[in-house]
């Protein structure tokens, strides 16, 4: 089951997306799964591409 990110996870993800993905992209989805707090799944959409990724924390 999908679980929304807490404040610390969201800050970590925003830093990662800013450093590694499209700078002009919009973060459209971000979540973890119940019981797995070590991985964040996300989607970033820009005018050029859509990136789906995972970050291990």
N, C-alpha and C. Protein backbone atom coordinates (compact mmCIF):
# COMPACT_ATOMS: atom_id res chain seq x y z
N UNK A 1 0.83 -1.17 0.00
CA UNK A 1 0.00 0.00 0.00
C UNK A 1 0.88 1.25 0.00
N UNK A 2 0.54 2.22 -0.84
CA UNK A 2 1.31 3.46 -0.93
C UNK A 2 1.14 4.29 0.33
N UNK A 3 2.23 4.93 0.73
CA UNK A 3 2.23 5.76 1.92
C UNK A 3 2.87 7.11 1.57
N UNK A 4 2.25 8.23 1.95
CA UNK A 4 2.84 9.54 1.63
C UNK A 4 4.16 9.75 2.37
N UNK A 5 4.97 10.65 1.83
CA UNK A 5 6.27 10.93 2.44
C UNK A 5 6.13 11.82 3.65
N UNK A 6 7.05 11.63 4.61
CA UNK A 6 7.10 12.56 5.73
C UNK A 6 7.99 13.73 5.32
N UNK A 7 8.11 14.73 6.18
CA UNK A 7 8.84 15.96 5.86
C UNK A 7 10.31 15.70 5.51
N UNK A 8 10.99 14.86 6.28
CA UNK A 8 12.40 14.57 6.02
C UNK A 8 12.59 13.85 4.69
N UNK A 9 11.73 12.90 4.39
CA UNK A 9 11.81 12.19 3.12
C UNK A 9 11.59 13.13 1.95
N UNK A 10 10.63 14.04 2.07
CA UNK A 10 10.34 14.99 0.99
C UNK A 10 11.51 15.93 0.75
N UNK A 11 12.15 16.41 1.80
CA UNK A 11 13.31 17.28 1.65
C UNK A 11 14.46 16.54 0.96
N UNK A 12 14.69 15.29 1.35
CA UNK A 12 15.74 14.48 0.73
C UNK A 12 15.45 14.27 -0.75
N UNK A 13 14.20 13.97 -1.08
CA UNK A 13 13.83 13.72 -2.47
C UNK A 13 13.97 14.99 -3.31
N UNK A 14 13.54 16.12 -2.81
CA UNK A 14 13.66 17.38 -3.56
C UNK A 14 15.13 17.68 -3.87
N UNK A 15 16.01 17.43 -2.91
CA UNK A 15 17.44 17.65 -3.14
C UNK A 15 17.95 16.71 -4.23
N UNK A 16 17.56 15.45 -4.18
CA UNK A 16 17.98 14.47 -5.18
C UNK A 16 17.48 14.86 -6.57
N UNK A 17 16.21 15.21 -6.68
CA UNK A 17 15.63 15.57 -7.97
C UNK A 17 16.32 16.80 -8.53
N UNK A 18 16.60 17.78 -7.69
CA UNK A 18 17.28 18.99 -8.15
C UNK A 18 18.67 18.68 -8.69
N UNK A 19 19.38 17.75 -8.07
CA UNK A 19 20.76 17.43 -8.47
C UNK A 19 20.82 16.49 -9.68
N UNK A 20 19.85 15.57 -9.82
CA UNK A 20 20.01 14.50 -10.80
C UNK A 20 18.97 14.46 -11.92
N UNK A 21 17.90 15.18 -11.81
CA UNK A 21 16.84 15.10 -12.82
C UNK A 21 16.63 16.46 -13.49
N UNK A 22 15.62 16.54 -14.30
CA UNK A 22 15.28 17.76 -15.01
C UNK A 22 15.03 18.91 -14.03
N UNK A 23 15.75 20.01 -14.19
CA UNK A 23 15.56 21.15 -13.30
C UNK A 23 14.23 21.85 -13.51
N UNK A 24 13.69 21.78 -14.73
CA UNK A 24 12.42 22.44 -15.00
C UNK A 24 11.24 21.47 -14.87
N UNK A 25 11.49 20.27 -14.38
CA UNK A 25 10.43 19.27 -14.24
C UNK A 25 9.62 19.48 -12.97
N UNK A 26 8.43 18.91 -12.98
CA UNK A 26 7.55 18.99 -11.82
C UNK A 26 7.44 17.60 -11.19
N UNK A 27 7.62 17.54 -9.89
CA UNK A 27 7.46 16.30 -9.14
C UNK A 27 5.96 16.02 -9.05
N UNK A 28 5.50 14.97 -9.72
CA UNK A 28 4.06 14.71 -9.78
C UNK A 28 3.60 13.61 -8.84
N UNK A 29 4.52 12.74 -8.44
CA UNK A 29 4.15 11.65 -7.53
C UNK A 29 5.36 11.23 -6.73
N UNK A 30 5.16 10.97 -5.44
CA UNK A 30 6.23 10.48 -4.57
C UNK A 30 5.59 9.73 -3.42
N UNK A 31 6.12 8.53 -3.15
CA UNK A 31 5.55 7.72 -2.09
C UNK A 31 6.51 6.63 -1.67
N UNK A 32 6.23 6.01 -0.54
CA UNK A 32 6.91 4.81 -0.07
C UNK A 32 5.85 3.72 0.06
N UNK A 33 6.27 2.52 0.32
CA UNK A 33 5.34 1.43 0.59
C UNK A 33 5.35 1.14 2.08
N UNK A 34 4.22 0.73 2.61
CA UNK A 34 4.14 0.33 4.02
C UNK A 34 5.23 -0.70 4.32
N UNK A 35 5.97 -0.48 5.37
CA UNK A 35 6.99 -1.43 5.79
C UNK A 35 8.33 -1.25 5.11
N UNK A 36 8.44 -0.36 4.10
CA UNK A 36 9.70 -0.14 3.40
C UNK A 36 10.05 1.35 3.45
N UNK A 37 10.60 1.79 4.57
CA UNK A 37 10.93 3.20 4.72
C UNK A 37 12.26 3.57 4.09
N UNK A 38 12.97 2.60 3.50
CA UNK A 38 14.27 2.86 2.93
C UNK A 38 14.27 3.19 1.45
N UNK A 39 13.10 3.26 0.80
CA UNK A 39 13.05 3.53 -0.63
C UNK A 39 11.89 4.48 -0.93
N UNK A 40 12.18 5.50 -1.73
CA UNK A 40 11.17 6.44 -2.18
C UNK A 40 11.02 6.27 -3.68
N UNK A 41 9.81 6.10 -4.15
CA UNK A 41 9.50 6.03 -5.58
C UNK A 41 8.92 7.38 -6.00
N UNK A 42 9.29 7.85 -7.19
CA UNK A 42 8.84 9.17 -7.61
C UNK A 42 8.68 9.25 -9.12
N UNK A 43 7.96 10.29 -9.56
CA UNK A 43 7.78 10.60 -10.97
C UNK A 43 8.00 12.10 -11.15
N UNK A 44 8.85 12.45 -12.13
CA UNK A 44 9.11 13.84 -12.48
C UNK A 44 8.73 14.02 -13.94
N UNK A 45 7.91 15.03 -14.24
CA UNK A 45 7.47 15.29 -15.61
C UNK A 45 7.96 16.66 -16.04
N UNK A 46 8.57 16.71 -17.22
CA UNK A 46 8.99 17.98 -17.81
C UNK A 46 8.47 18.02 -19.24
N UNK A 47 8.74 19.11 -19.93
CA UNK A 47 8.28 19.22 -21.32
C UNK A 47 9.01 18.24 -22.24
N UNK A 48 10.21 17.80 -21.83
CA UNK A 48 11.02 16.90 -22.66
C UNK A 48 10.81 15.42 -22.36
N UNK A 49 10.55 15.09 -21.11
CA UNK A 49 10.49 13.67 -20.75
C UNK A 49 9.78 13.46 -19.42
N UNK A 50 9.46 12.21 -19.16
CA UNK A 50 8.92 11.77 -17.89
C UNK A 50 9.92 10.79 -17.27
N UNK A 51 10.30 11.03 -16.03
CA UNK A 51 11.28 10.17 -15.36
C UNK A 51 10.60 9.53 -14.17
N UNK A 52 10.67 8.20 -14.11
CA UNK A 52 10.21 7.46 -12.94
C UNK A 52 11.45 6.88 -12.30
N UNK A 53 11.58 7.07 -11.00
CA UNK A 53 12.79 6.63 -10.35
C UNK A 53 12.57 6.19 -8.92
N UNK A 54 13.65 5.71 -8.33
CA UNK A 54 13.64 5.29 -6.93
C UNK A 54 14.91 5.81 -6.28
N UNK A 55 14.77 6.22 -5.02
CA UNK A 55 15.91 6.69 -4.23
C UNK A 55 15.97 5.84 -2.97
N UNK A 56 17.14 5.30 -2.69
CA UNK A 56 17.34 4.54 -1.47
C UNK A 56 17.92 5.47 -0.41
N UNK A 57 17.28 5.45 0.77
CA UNK A 57 17.74 6.34 1.83
C UNK A 57 18.22 5.53 3.03
